[in-house]
Amino acid sequence: MSISESTLHPYIKGLVEENGKLTVTQLNKMLREILTLDSNDLTLLSGRRDDKFSQIVRNVVAHTPDGISTRYGYIIDKTKKPAVFYAKEKDAKSATSDIISPEKIKERKEKRKKFTARKVDFRTLNNEHSALGDAGEVFALEWERNRLRDLSVAFDISEEVIHFSRIYGDGAGYDILSRNDDDFALRYIEVKTTKGDLNTPFYMSENECAFIEIYQDNALIYRVYNYDQDTNIGEIEIITYDELVANYTFNPVTYKVTKKTS
């Protein structure tokens, strides 16, 4: 499927949050690393050396007011050439106006170097999740949004709480991107759903394990349990990285077996 400007924003949001700061040139390159572009996206523009997808990325900048503007949960600075995308930093007055500090940009870029999200394959995306897992993620997504609504947070929940696995599949290493209510820190949420009780074992992919270890200060597991898919009723236990390491045992249960070439 071809990429449009409107469908591109959640991917930009994720990359900007993970890196803290990206020029439009860097963003264009990174988007190509995680998205599967079709022949239409890669069609060269008449009289130019770039393709349609590059034009779509540039349009995100072009359709933003001049100066420094907040859109879709990130900041675009058009005063710089090329334009720069920044993650947001909360201040005492607003959760949507300040650019993240250079120190935090450096910290996020270091983490990003350690974890590379897998490329999105839209052809298999719909087959990656079970019906129960999908329903549990939607349940957790609404639970998270309601958690923030009840706290009357200052930021725009629709921009800051994104169902990432719906667009990314398992590639991002987490399912939901959200925020803390008190310090505006990121929440990378991995949802694990069961019809059973809280003691029912759950599975984590190698990709998910790598992510939660690298982003342990911000990564959480939302364990959805006693979940009834028909009534959409269940309970949620929030598990931090420290609790996961201290209170859970990891047992390898699957192996990828490949025929030797020689």
C-alpha atoms as a PDB file:
ATOM      1  CA  MET A   1       0.000   0.000   0.000  1.00  0.00           C
ATOM      2  CA  SER A   2       1.194   3.506  -0.788  1.00  0.00           C
ATOM      3  CA  ILE A   3       2.087   5.870   2.036  1.00  0.00           C
ATOM      4  CA  SER A   4       0.186   9.134   2.501  1.00  0.00           C
ATOM      5  CA  GLU A   5       1.059  12.173   4.566  1.00  0.00           C
ATOM      6  CA  SER A   6      -1.769  11.491   7.026  1.00  0.00           C
ATOM      7  CA  THR A   7      -0.647   7.889   7.676  1.00  0.00           C
ATOM      8  CA  LEU A   8       2.974   8.955   8.084  1.00  0.00           C
ATOM      9  CA  HIS A   9       2.572  10.979  11.286  1.00  0.00           C
ATOM     10  CA  PRO A  10       2.506   8.087  13.806  1.00  0.00           C
ATOM     11  CA  TYR A  11       5.757   6.721  12.352  1.00  0.00           C
ATOM     12  CA  ILE A  12       7.352  10.171  12.549  1.00  0.00           C
ATOM     13  CA  LYS A  13       6.156  10.485  16.140  1.00  0.00           C
ATOM     14  CA  GLY A  14       7.849   7.228  17.092  1.00  0.00           C
ATOM     15  CA  LEU A  15      11.158   8.008  15.408  1.00  0.00           C
ATOM     16  CA  VAL A  16      11.291  11.540  16.816  1.00  0.00           C
ATOM     17  CA  GLU A  17      10.561  10.296  20.347  1.00  0.00           C
ATOM     18  CA  GLU A  18      13.212   7.577  20.078  1.00  0.00           C
ATOM     19  CA  ASN A  19      15.873   9.940  18.715  1.00  0.00           C
ATOM     20  CA  GLY A  20      14.900  13.247  20.333  1.00  0.00           C
ATOM     21  CA  LYS A  21      15.970  15.241  17.272  1.00  0.00           C
ATOM     22  CA  LEU A  22      16.034  14.508  13.526  1.00  0.00           C
ATOM     23  CA  THR A  23      16.511  16.649  10.444  1.00  0.00           C
ATOM     24  CA  VAL A  24      14.000  16.075   7.668  1.00  0.00           C
ATOM     25  CA  THR A  25      16.813  14.410   5.696  1.00  0.00           C
ATOM     26  CA  GLN A  26      17.576  11.978   8.540  1.00  0.00           C
ATOM     27  CA  LEU A  27      13.872  11.328   9.019  1.00  0.00           C
ATOM     28  CA  ASN A  28      13.415  10.494   5.335  1.00  0.00           C
ATOM     29  CA  LYS A  29      16.233   7.949   5.549  1.00  0.00           C
ATOM     30  CA  MET A  30      14.979   6.329   8.764  1.00  0.00           C
ATOM     31  CA  LEU A  31      11.410   6.073   7.532  1.00  0.00           C
ATOM     32  CA  ARG A  32      12.681   4.124   4.533  1.00  0.00           C
ATOM     33  CA  GLU A  33      14.424   1.713   6.900  1.00  0.00           C
ATOM     34  CA  ILE A  34      11.222   0.813   8.755  1.00  0.00           C
ATOM     35  CA  LEU A  35       8.541   1.143   6.059  1.00  0.00           C
ATOM     36  CA  THR A  36       7.909  -1.124   3.099  1.00  0.00           C
ATOM     37  CA  LEU A  37       7.460   1.253   0.165  1.00  0.00           C
ATOM     38  CA  ASP A  38       5.673   0.184  -3.004  1.00  0.00           C
ATOM     39  CA  SER A  39       6.396   1.078  -6.623  1.00  0.00           C
ATOM     40  CA  ASN A  40       4.185   4.147  -6.431  1.00  0.00           C
ATOM     41  CA  ASP A  41       6.099   5.499  -3.425  1.00  0.00           C
ATOM     42  CA  LEU A  42       9.374   4.962  -5.287  1.00  0.00           C
ATOM     43  CA  THR A  43       8.261   6.607  -8.539  1.00  0.00           C
ATOM     44  CA  LEU A  44      10.762   9.297  -9.519  1.00  0.00           C
ATOM     45  CA  LEU A  45       9.386  12.809  -9.776  1.00  0.00           C
ATOM     46  CA  SER A  46       9.516  14.477 -13.156  1.00  0.00           C
ATOM     47  CA  GLY A  47      12.617  16.633 -13.501  1.00  0.00           C
ATOM     48  CA  ARG A  48      13.927  15.670 -10.049  1.00  0.00           C
ATOM     49  CA  ARG A  49      16.299  13.101  -8.606  1.00  0.00           C
ATOM     50  CA  ASP A  50      14.064  12.009  -5.728  1.00  0.00           C
ATOM     51  CA  ASP A  51      10.820  10.049  -5.523  1.00  0.00           C
ATOM     52  CA  LYS A  52       7.217  10.460  -4.380  1.00  0.00           C
ATOM     53  CA  PHE A  53       7.946   9.311  -0.861  1.00  0.00           C
ATOM     54  CA  SER A  54      10.553  12.056  -0.384  1.00  0.00           C
ATOM     55  CA  GLN A  55       7.937  14.545  -1.536  1.00  0.00           C
ATOM     56  CA  ILE A  56       5.446  13.242   1.043  1.00  0.00           C
ATOM     57  CA  VAL A  57       8.032  13.685   3.821  1.00  0.00           C
ATOM     58  CA  ARG A  58       8.809  17.212   2.608  1.00  0.00           C
ATOM     59  CA  ASN A  59       5.076  17.983   2.556  1.00  0.00           C
ATOM     60  CA  VAL A  60       4.916  17.317   6.300  1.00  0.00           C
ATOM     61  CA  VAL A  61       7.272  20.281   6.665  1.00  0.00           C
ATOM     62  CA  ALA A  62       5.695  22.384   3.914  1.00  0.00           C
ATOM     63  CA  HIS A  63       2.222  22.083   5.443  1.00  0.00           C
ATOM     64  CA  THR A  64       3.480  23.294   8.841  1.00  0.00           C
ATOM     65  CA  PRO A  65       3.381  27.047   9.640  1.00  0.00           C
ATOM     66  CA  ASP A  66       6.699  28.895   9.381  1.00  0.00           C
ATOM     67  CA  GLY A  67       8.808  29.192  12.505  1.00  0.00           C
ATOM     68  CA  ILE A  68       8.618  26.604  15.309  1.00  0.00           C
ATOM     69  CA  SER A  69       5.340  24.717  15.474  1.00  0.00           C
ATOM     70  CA  THR A  70       3.907  21.739  17.337  1.00  0.00           C
ATOM     71  CA  ARG A  71       2.060  19.156  15.258  1.00  0.00           C
ATOM     72  CA  TYR A  72       0.925  15.599  15.974  1.00  0.00           C
ATOM     73  CA  GLY A  73       2.861  15.419  19.233  1.00  0.00           C
ATOM     74  CA  TYR A  74       6.232  16.622  17.944  1.00  0.00           C
ATOM     75  CA  ILE A  75       7.856  19.971  17.110  1.00  0.00           C
ATOM     76  CA  ILE A  76       9.003  21.114  13.669  1.00  0.00           C
ATOM     77  CA  ASP A  77      11.545  23.944  13.457  1.00  0.00           C
ATOM     78  CA  LYS A  78      11.390  25.494   9.987  1.00  0.00           C
ATOM     79  CA  THR A  79      13.842  28.243  10.913  1.00  0.00           C
ATOM     80  CA  LYS A  80      16.616  25.704  10.322  1.00  0.00           C
ATOM     81  CA  LYS A  81      17.675  24.396   6.909  1.00  0.00           C
ATOM     82  CA  PRO A  82      16.927  21.567   6.556  1.00  0.00           C
ATOM     83  CA  ALA A  83      13.966  21.633   8.932  1.00  0.00           C
ATOM     84  CA  VAL A  84      14.443  19.833  12.258  1.00  0.00           C
ATOM     85  CA  PHE A  85      11.969  17.609  14.096  1.00  0.00           C
ATOM     86  CA  TYR A  86      12.174  17.638  17.920  1.00  0.00           C
ATOM     87  CA  ALA A  87      10.579  15.684  20.740  1.00  0.00           C
ATOM     88  CA  LYS A  88       8.712  17.822  23.253  1.00  0.00           C
ATOM     89  CA  GLU A  89       9.677  18.668  26.799  1.00  0.00           C
ATOM     90  CA  LYS A  90       7.171  19.536  29.500  1.00  0.00           C
ATOM     91  CA  ASP A  91       7.524  22.839  31.362  1.00  0.00           C
ATOM     92  CA  ALA A  92       5.551  24.461  34.168  1.00  0.00           C
ATOM     93  CA  LYS A  93       3.056  26.113  31.820  1.00  0.00           C
ATOM     94  CA  SER A  94       2.640  23.810  28.845  1.00  0.00           C
ATOM     95  CA  ALA A  95       3.284  20.233  27.796  1.00  0.00           C
ATOM     96  CA  THR A  96       3.409  21.072  24.107  1.00  0.00           C
ATOM     97  CA  SER A  97       5.752  24.028  23.578  1.00  0.00           C
ATOM     98  CA  ASP A  98       9.287  23.318  24.780  1.00  0.00           C
ATOM     99  CA  ILE A  99      11.941  21.431  22.826  1.00  0.00           C
ATOM    100  CA  ILE A 100      13.662  18.519  24.550  1.00  0.00           C
ATOM    101  CA  SER A 101      17.052  19.304  26.100  1.00  0.00           C
ATOM    102  CA  PRO A 102      20.362  18.472  24.340  1.00  0.00           C
ATOM    103  CA  GLU A 103      21.234  16.081  27.189  1.00  0.00           C
ATOM    104  CA  LYS A 104      18.050  14.076  26.671  1.00  0.00           C
ATOM    105  CA  ILE A 105      18.559  14.073  22.906  1.00  0.00           C
ATOM    106  CA  LYS A 106      22.000  12.535  23.430  1.00  0.00           C
ATOM    107  CA  GLU A 107      20.595   9.935  25.844  1.00  0.00           C
ATOM    108  CA  ARG A 108      17.845   8.900  23.428  1.00  0.00           C
ATOM    109  CA  LYS A 109      20.199   8.637  20.476  1.00  0.00           C
ATOM    110  CA  GLU A 110      22.484   6.357  22.479  1.00  0.00           C
ATOM    111  CA  LYS A 111      19.583   4.028  23.235  1.00  0.00           C
ATOM    112  CA  ARG A 112      18.458   4.128  19.633  1.00  0.00           C
ATOM    113  CA  LYS A 113      21.884   2.886  18.532  1.00  0.00           C
ATOM    114  CA  LYS A 114      21.383  -0.231  20.650  1.00  0.00           C
ATOM    115  CA  PHE A 115      17.924  -1.100  19.336  1.00  0.00           C
ATOM    116  CA  THR A 116      16.822  -1.040  15.710  1.00  0.00           C
ATOM    117  CA  ALA A 117      13.136  -1.566  14.993  1.00  0.00           C
ATOM    118  CA  ARG A 118      12.332  -4.209  12.433  1.00  0.00           C
ATOM    119  CA  LYS A 119      11.024  -3.202   9.027  1.00  0.00           C
ATOM    120  CA  VAL A 120       7.246  -3.008   8.669  1.00  0.00           C
ATOM    121  CA  ASP A 121       5.778  -5.545   6.239  1.00  0.00           C
ATOM    122  CA  PHE A 122       2.176  -4.584   5.556  1.00  0.00           C
ATOM    123  CA  ARG A 123       1.509  -7.878   3.764  1.00  0.00           C
ATOM    124  CA  THR A 124       1.942  -9.888   6.970  1.00  0.00           C
ATOM    125  CA  LEU A 125       1.004  -7.243   9.524  1.00  0.00           C
ATOM    126  CA  ASN A 126      -2.592  -8.420   9.888  1.00  0.00           C
ATOM    127  CA  ASN A 127      -1.487 -11.985  10.608  1.00  0.00           C
ATOM    128  CA  GLU A 128       0.950 -11.176  13.395  1.00  0.00           C
ATOM    129  CA  HIS A 129      -1.514 -10.886  16.247  1.00  0.00           C
ATOM    130  CA  SER A 130      -4.096 -13.279  17.562  1.00  0.00           C
ATOM    131  CA  ALA A 131      -7.658 -12.077  17.993  1.00  0.00           C
ATOM    132  CA  LEU A 132      -7.235 -12.241  21.768  1.00  0.00           C
ATOM    133  CA  GLY A 133      -3.989 -10.280  21.654  1.00  0.00           C
ATOM    134  CA  ASP A 134      -5.505  -7.613  19.419  1.00  0.00           C
ATOM    135  CA  ALA A 135      -8.551  -7.243  21.667  1.00  0.00           C
ATOM    136  CA  GLY A 136      -6.331  -7.020  24.741  1.00  0.00           C
ATOM    137  CA  GLU A 137      -4.251  -4.259  23.173  1.00  0.00           C
ATOM    138  CA  VAL A 138      -7.366  -2.219  22.372  1.00  0.00           C
ATOM    139  CA  PHE A 139      -8.602  -2.782  25.932  1.00  0.00           C
ATOM    140  CA  ALA A 140      -5.249  -1.622  27.355  1.00  0.00           C
ATOM    141  CA  LEU A 141      -5.161   1.356  24.986  1.00  0.00           C
ATOM    142  CA  GLU A 142      -8.523   2.625  26.213  1.00  0.00           C
ATOM    143  CA  TRP A 143      -7.556   1.849  29.823  1.00  0.00           C
ATOM    144  CA  GLU A 144      -4.414   3.972  29.404  1.00  0.00           C
ATOM    145  CA  ARG A 145      -6.314   6.853  27.849  1.00  0.00           C
ATOM    146  CA  ASN A 146      -8.869   6.740  30.657  1.00  0.00           C
ATOM    147  CA  ARG A 147      -6.046   6.676  33.225  1.00  0.00           C
ATOM    148  CA  LEU A 148      -4.738   9.946  31.837  1.00  0.00           C
ATOM    149  CA  ARG A 149      -8.201  11.481  31.448  1.00  0.00           C
ATOM    150  CA  ASP A 150      -8.943  10.765  35.112  1.00  0.00           C
ATOM    151  CA  LEU A 151      -5.729  12.597  36.015  1.00  0.00           C
ATOM    152  CA  SER A 152      -6.773  15.627  33.910  1.00  0.00           C
ATOM    153  CA  VAL A 153      -3.377  15.833  32.203  1.00  0.00           C
ATOM    154  CA  ALA A 154      -2.444  19.030  30.389  1.00  0.00           C
ATOM    155  CA  PHE A 155      -1.284  17.363  27.176  1.00  0.00           C
ATOM    156  CA  ASP A 156      -3.346  16.129  24.213  1.00  0.00           C
ATOM    157  CA  ILE A 157      -4.030  12.433  24.881  1.00  0.00           C
ATOM    158  CA  SER A 158      -4.958  11.779  21.246  1.00  0.00           C
ATOM    159  CA  GLU A 159      -1.464  12.903  20.162  1.00  0.00           C
ATOM    160  CA  GLU A 160       0.521  11.286  22.950  1.00  0.00           C
ATOM    161  CA  VAL A 161      -1.153   7.867  23.282  1.00  0.00           C
ATOM    162  CA  ILE A 162      -0.676   5.845  20.102  1.00  0.00           C
ATOM    163  CA  HIS A 163      -1.477   2.210  19.318  1.00  0.00           C
ATOM    164  CA  PHE A 164       1.891   1.478  17.744  1.00  0.00           C
ATOM    165  CA  SER A 165       1.508  -2.240  17.107  1.00  0.00           C
ATOM    166  CA  ARG A 166      -1.560  -1.509  14.987  1.00  0.00           C
ATOM    167  CA  ILE A 167       0.693   0.229  12.462  1.00  0.00           C
ATOM    168  CA  TYR A 168       4.090  -1.262  13.294  1.00  0.00           C
ATOM    169  CA  GLY A 169       3.330  -4.872  14.098  1.00  0.00           C
ATOM    170  CA  ASP A 170       5.885  -6.363  16.488  1.00  0.00           C
ATOM    171  CA  GLY A 171       8.701  -4.393  14.886  1.00  0.00           C
ATOM    172  CA  ALA A 172       8.792  -1.499  17.335  1.00  0.00           C
ATOM    173  CA  GLY A 173       9.321  -3.707  20.380  1.00  0.00           C
ATOM    174  CA  TYR A 174       6.253  -2.299  22.163  1.00  0.00           C
ATOM    175  CA  ASP A 175       2.515  -1.916  21.552  1.00  0.00           C
ATOM    176  CA  ILE A 176       1.468   1.478  22.922  1.00  0.00           C
ATOM    177  CA  LEU A 177       3.333   4.776  23.193  1.00  0.00           C
ATOM    178  CA  SER A 178       2.154   6.951  26.082  1.00  0.00           C
ATOM    179  CA  ARG A 179       3.275   9.433  28.755  1.00  0.00           C
ATOM    180  CA  ASN A 180       3.576   9.636  32.516  1.00  0.00           C
ATOM    181  CA  ASP A 181       1.167  12.118  34.026  1.00  0.00           C
ATOM    182  CA  ASP A 182       3.615  13.754  36.426  1.00  0.00           C
ATOM    183  CA  ASP A 183       6.887  14.256  34.549  1.00  0.00           C
ATOM    184  CA  PHE A 184       5.767  13.779  30.910  1.00  0.00           C
ATOM    185  CA  ALA A 185       8.283  10.946  30.554  1.00  0.00           C
ATOM    186  CA  LEU A 186       7.641   8.410  27.813  1.00  0.00           C
ATOM    187  CA  ARG A 187       5.857   5.135  28.478  1.00  0.00           C
ATOM    188  CA  TYR A 188       6.632   2.290  26.110  1.00  0.00           C
ATOM    189  CA  ILE A 189       3.889  -0.242  26.841  1.00  0.00           C
ATOM    190  CA  GLU A 190       3.969  -3.898  25.849  1.00  0.00           C
ATOM    191  CA  VAL A 191       0.563  -5.578  26.299  1.00  0.00           C
ATOM    192  CA  LYS A 192       0.276  -9.254  27.268  1.00  0.00           C
ATOM    193  CA  THR A 193      -3.256 -10.658  27.430  1.00  0.00           C
ATOM    194  CA  THR A 194      -4.713 -13.828  28.924  1.00  0.00           C
ATOM    195  CA  LYS A 195      -8.132 -15.189  29.758  1.00  0.00           C
ATOM    196  CA  GLY A 196      -6.505 -16.759  32.811  1.00  0.00           C
ATOM    197  CA  ASP A 197      -5.425 -15.261  36.098  1.00  0.00           C
ATOM    198  CA  LEU A 198      -2.376 -13.142  36.856  1.00  0.00           C
ATOM    199  CA  ASN A 199      -0.149 -16.201  37.293  1.00  0.00           C
ATOM    200  CA  THR A 200      -0.686 -17.446  33.730  1.00  0.00           C
ATOM    201  CA  PRO A 201       2.652 -17.503  31.825  1.00  0.00           C
ATOM    202  CA  PHE A 202       3.073 -15.180  28.848  1.00  0.00           C
ATOM    203  CA  TYR A 203       5.457 -15.046  25.913  1.00  0.00           C
ATOM    204  CA  MET A 204       7.931 -12.362  24.821  1.00  0.00           C
ATOM    205  CA  SER A 205       9.759 -12.276  21.516  1.00  0.00           C
ATOM    206  CA  GLU A 206      13.507 -11.723  21.293  1.00  0.00           C
ATOM    207  CA  ASN A 207      12.725  -8.287  19.861  1.00  0.00           C
ATOM    208  CA  GLU A 208      10.497  -7.397  22.834  1.00  0.00           C
ATOM    209  CA  CYS A 209      13.063  -8.635  25.358  1.00  0.00           C
ATOM    210  CA  ALA A 210      15.793  -6.553  23.736  1.00  0.00           C
ATOM    211  CA  PHE A 211      13.618  -3.456  23.768  1.00  0.00           C
ATOM    212  CA  ILE A 212      12.535  -3.639  27.399  1.00  0.00           C
ATOM    213  CA  GLU A 213      16.131  -4.204  28.513  1.00  0.00           C
ATOM    214  CA  ILE A 214      17.450  -1.181  26.602  1.00  0.00           C
ATOM    215  CA  TYR A 215      14.530   1.094  27.485  1.00  0.00           C
ATOM    216  CA  GLN A 216      14.045  -0.267  30.981  1.00  0.00           C
ATOM    217  CA  ASP A 217      13.510   3.160  32.585  1.00  0.00           C
ATOM    218  CA  ASN A 218      10.518   3.832  30.334  1.00  0.00           C
ATOM    219  CA  ALA A 219       9.269   0.381  29.319  1.00  0.00           C
ATOM    220  CA  LEU A 220       6.328  -1.298  31.051  1.00  0.00           C
ATOM    221  CA  ILE A 221       4.307  -4.454  30.578  1.00  0.00           C
ATOM    222  CA  TYR A 222       0.552  -4.063  30.914  1.00  0.00           C
ATOM    223  CA  ARG A 223      -0.547  -7.563  31.880  1.00  0.00           C
ATOM    224  CA  VAL A 224      -4.212  -7.892  30.896  1.00  0.00           C
ATOM    225  CA  TYR A 225      -5.689 -10.862  32.797  1.00  0.00           C
ATOM    226  CA  ASN A 226      -9.084 -12.377  33.579  1.00  0.00           C
ATOM    227  CA  TYR A 227      -9.990 -10.911  30.219  1.00  0.00           C
ATOM    228  CA  ASP A 228     -13.342 -11.737  28.619  1.00  0.00           C
ATOM    229  CA  GLN A 229     -13.200 -10.849  24.948  1.00  0.00           C
ATOM    230  CA  ASP A 230     -16.989 -11.040  24.534  1.00  0.00           C
ATOM    231  CA  THR A 231     -17.743  -8.515  27.271  1.00  0.00           C
ATOM    232  CA  ASN A 232     -14.436  -6.611  26.934  1.00  0.00           C
ATOM    233  CA  ILE A 233     -13.914  -6.820  30.683  1.00  0.00           C
ATOM    234  CA  GLY A 234     -10.591  -7.559  32.337  1.00  0.00           C
ATOM    235  CA  GLU A 235      -7.977  -6.385  34.809  1.00  0.00           C
ATOM    236  CA  ILE A 236      -4.549  -4.834  34.316  1.00  0.00           C
ATOM    237  CA  GLU A 237      -1.343  -5.293  36.306  1.00  0.00           C
ATOM    238  CA  ILE A 238       1.521  -2.923  35.441  1.00  0.00           C
ATOM    239  CA  ILE A 239       4.926  -4.640  35.520  1.00  0.00           C
ATOM    240  CA  THR A 240       8.140  -2.582  35.526  1.00  0.00           C
ATOM    241  CA  TYR A 241      11.439  -3.874  34.189  1.00  0.00           C
ATOM    242  CA  ASP A 242      12.820  -4.301  37.712  1.00  0.00           C
ATOM    243  CA  GLU A 243       9.755  -6.311  38.759  1.00  0.00           C
ATOM    244  CA  LEU A 244      10.012  -8.425  35.599  1.00  0.00           C
ATOM    245  CA  VAL A 245      13.635  -9.341  36.314  1.00  0.00           C
ATOM    246  CA  ALA A 246      13.090  -9.931  40.018  1.00  0.00           C
ATOM    247  CA  ASN A 247       9.781 -11.806  39.975  1.00  0.00           C
ATOM    248  CA  TYR A 248       9.619 -13.677  36.660  1.00  0.00           C
ATOM    249  CA  THR A 249      11.596 -16.519  35.094  1.00  0.00           C
ATOM    250  CA  PHE A 250      12.505 -16.557  31.386  1.00  0.00           C
ATOM    251  CA  ASN A 251      12.494 -19.964  29.720  1.00  0.00           C
ATOM    252  CA  PRO A 252      13.381 -20.361  26.013  1.00  0.00           C
ATOM    253  CA  VAL A 253      10.581 -22.320  24.338  1.00  0.00           C
ATOM    254  CA  THR A 254      11.012 -21.798  20.590  1.00  0.00           C
ATOM    255  CA  TYR A 255      13.894 -21.911  18.144  1.00  0.00           C
ATOM    256  CA  LYS A 256      14.255 -20.781  14.549  1.00  0.00           C
ATOM    257  CA  VAL A 257      15.660 -23.720  12.599  1.00  0.00           C
ATOM    258  CA  THR A 258      17.324 -23.033   9.230  1.00  0.00           C
ATOM    259  CA  LYS A 259      18.808 -25.572   6.858  1.00  0.00           C
ATOM    260  CA  LYS A 260      22.570 -25.272   6.497  1.00  0.00           C
ATOM    261  CA  THR A 261      23.805 -23.982   3.160  1.00  0.00           C
ATOM    262  CA  SER A 262      27.006 -26.037   3.115  1.00  0.00           C
END
